[in-house]
Amino acid sequence: MRNIKLTIEYDGKCYNGWQKQPDKPNIQGEIEKAIFNITKEEVDLIGSGRTDAGVHALRTSSEF
């Protein structure tokens, strides 16, 4: 197993927050689907923070 750090930004107005929820659009599920489409590997994302429905995420740190 390998670990990869992703730093992401997103517009959350069409999503029900970060965490996967059955039958509701969410950021975690969308990113996992995108990774699967590229790698053909199933992944389980672990976020260091979460957002509520309709909230956006903006990278503000200068750390990369």
C-alpha atoms as a PDB file:
ATOM      1  CA  MET A   1       0.000   0.000   0.000  1.00  0.00           C
ATOM      2  CA  ARG A   2       1.235   3.498  -0.763  1.00  0.00           C
ATOM      3  CA  ASN A   3       0.259   6.850   0.641  1.00  0.00           C
ATOM      4  CA  ILE A   4      -0.116   9.914  -1.544  1.00  0.00           C
ATOM      5  CA  LYS A   5      -0.818  13.421  -0.294  1.00  0.00           C
ATOM      6  CA  LEU A   6      -3.307  15.464  -2.300  1.00  0.00           C
ATOM      7  CA  THR A   7      -3.948  19.153  -1.730  1.00  0.00           C
ATOM      8  CA  ILE A   8      -7.290  20.064  -3.276  1.00  0.00           C
ATOM      9  CA  GLU A   9      -9.647  22.974  -3.736  1.00  0.00           C
ATOM     10  CA  TYR A  10     -13.280  22.684  -4.736  1.00  0.00           C
ATOM     11  CA  ASP A  11     -16.547  24.525  -5.194  1.00  0.00           C
ATOM     12  CA  GLY A  12     -18.933  22.648  -2.915  1.00  0.00           C
ATOM     13  CA  LYS A  13     -22.232  24.298  -3.828  1.00  0.00           C
ATOM     14  CA  CYS A  14     -23.543  21.167  -5.582  1.00  0.00           C
ATOM     15  CA  TYR A  15     -22.305  18.685  -2.951  1.00  0.00           C
ATOM     16  CA  ASN A  16     -23.488  17.433   0.440  1.00  0.00           C
ATOM     17  CA  GLY A  17     -20.125  18.004   2.094  1.00  0.00           C
ATOM     18  CA  TRP A  18     -16.914  15.996   2.133  1.00  0.00           C
ATOM     19  CA  GLN A  19     -17.924  12.619   3.592  1.00  0.00           C
ATOM     20  CA  LYS A  20     -19.391   9.802   1.491  1.00  0.00           C
ATOM     21  CA  GLN A  21     -23.153   9.444   1.890  1.00  0.00           C
ATOM     22  CA  PRO A  22     -25.452   7.001   0.132  1.00  0.00           C
ATOM     23  CA  ASP A  23     -27.290   8.529  -2.845  1.00  0.00           C
ATOM     24  CA  LYS A  24     -25.983  12.064  -2.220  1.00  0.00           C
ATOM     25  CA  PRO A  25     -23.253  13.860  -4.186  1.00  0.00           C
ATOM     26  CA  ASN A  26     -20.125  14.345  -2.051  1.00  0.00           C
ATOM     27  CA  ILE A  27     -16.514  15.398  -2.552  1.00  0.00           C
ATOM     28  CA  GLN A  28     -14.875  12.240  -1.143  1.00  0.00           C
ATOM     29  CA  GLY A  29     -16.855   9.985  -3.469  1.00  0.00           C
ATOM     30  CA  GLU A  30     -16.150  12.148  -6.526  1.00  0.00           C
ATOM     31  CA  ILE A  31     -12.396  12.154  -5.905  1.00  0.00           C
ATOM     32  CA  GLU A  32     -12.370   8.385  -5.318  1.00  0.00           C
ATOM     33  CA  LYS A  33     -14.216   7.880  -8.627  1.00  0.00           C
ATOM     34  CA  ALA A  34     -11.760  10.141 -10.461  1.00  0.00           C
ATOM     35  CA  ILE A  35      -8.760   8.250  -9.040  1.00  0.00           C
ATOM     36  CA  PHE A  36     -10.363   4.938 -10.057  1.00  0.00           C
ATOM     37  CA  ASN A  37     -10.963   6.231 -13.603  1.00  0.00           C
ATOM     38  CA  ILE A  38      -7.267   7.107 -13.916  1.00  0.00           C
ATOM     39  CA  THR A  39      -5.614   4.197 -12.068  1.00  0.00           C
ATOM     40  CA  LYS A  40      -8.262   1.439 -12.155  1.00  0.00           C
ATOM     41  CA  GLU A  41      -7.537   0.982  -8.417  1.00  0.00           C
ATOM     42  CA  GLU A  42     -10.132   1.372  -5.679  1.00  0.00           C
ATOM     43  CA  VAL A  43      -9.004   3.791  -2.970  1.00  0.00           C
ATOM     44  CA  ASP A  44     -10.336   4.963   0.389  1.00  0.00           C
ATOM     45  CA  LEU A  45      -9.574   8.620   0.992  1.00  0.00           C
ATOM     46  CA  ILE A  46      -8.904   9.922   4.471  1.00  0.00           C
ATOM     47  CA  GLY A  47      -9.365  13.666   4.806  1.00  0.00           C
ATOM     48  CA  SER A  48      -7.600  15.833   7.364  1.00  0.00           C
ATOM     49  CA  GLY A  49     -10.638  18.090   7.423  1.00  0.00           C
ATOM     50  CA  ARG A  50     -14.259  18.019   6.354  1.00  0.00           C
ATOM     51  CA  THR A  51     -16.765  20.505   5.033  1.00  0.00           C
ATOM     52  CA  ASP A  52     -20.521  20.773   5.333  1.00  0.00           C
ATOM     53  CA  ALA A  53     -22.985  20.886   2.450  1.00  0.00           C
ATOM     54  CA  GLY A  54     -22.450  23.803   0.094  1.00  0.00           C
ATOM     55  CA  VAL A  55     -19.066  24.790   1.558  1.00  0.00           C
ATOM     56  CA  HIS A  56     -16.007  25.431  -0.618  1.00  0.00           C
ATOM     57  CA  ALA A  57     -12.386  24.468   0.101  1.00  0.00           C
ATOM     58  CA  LEU A  58      -9.588  26.873  -0.787  1.00  0.00           C
ATOM     59  CA  ARG A  59      -5.913  26.130  -0.331  1.00  0.00           C
ATOM     60  CA  THR A  60      -4.494  29.061   1.647  1.00  0.00           C
ATOM     61  CA  SER A  61      -1.219  27.678   2.996  1.00  0.00           C
ATOM     62  CA  SER A  62       2.075  28.394   1.235  1.00  0.00           C
ATOM     63  CA  GLU A  63       3.252  24.893   2.153  1.00  0.00           C
ATOM     64  CA  PHE A  64       3.251  22.556  -0.839  1.00  0.00           C
END
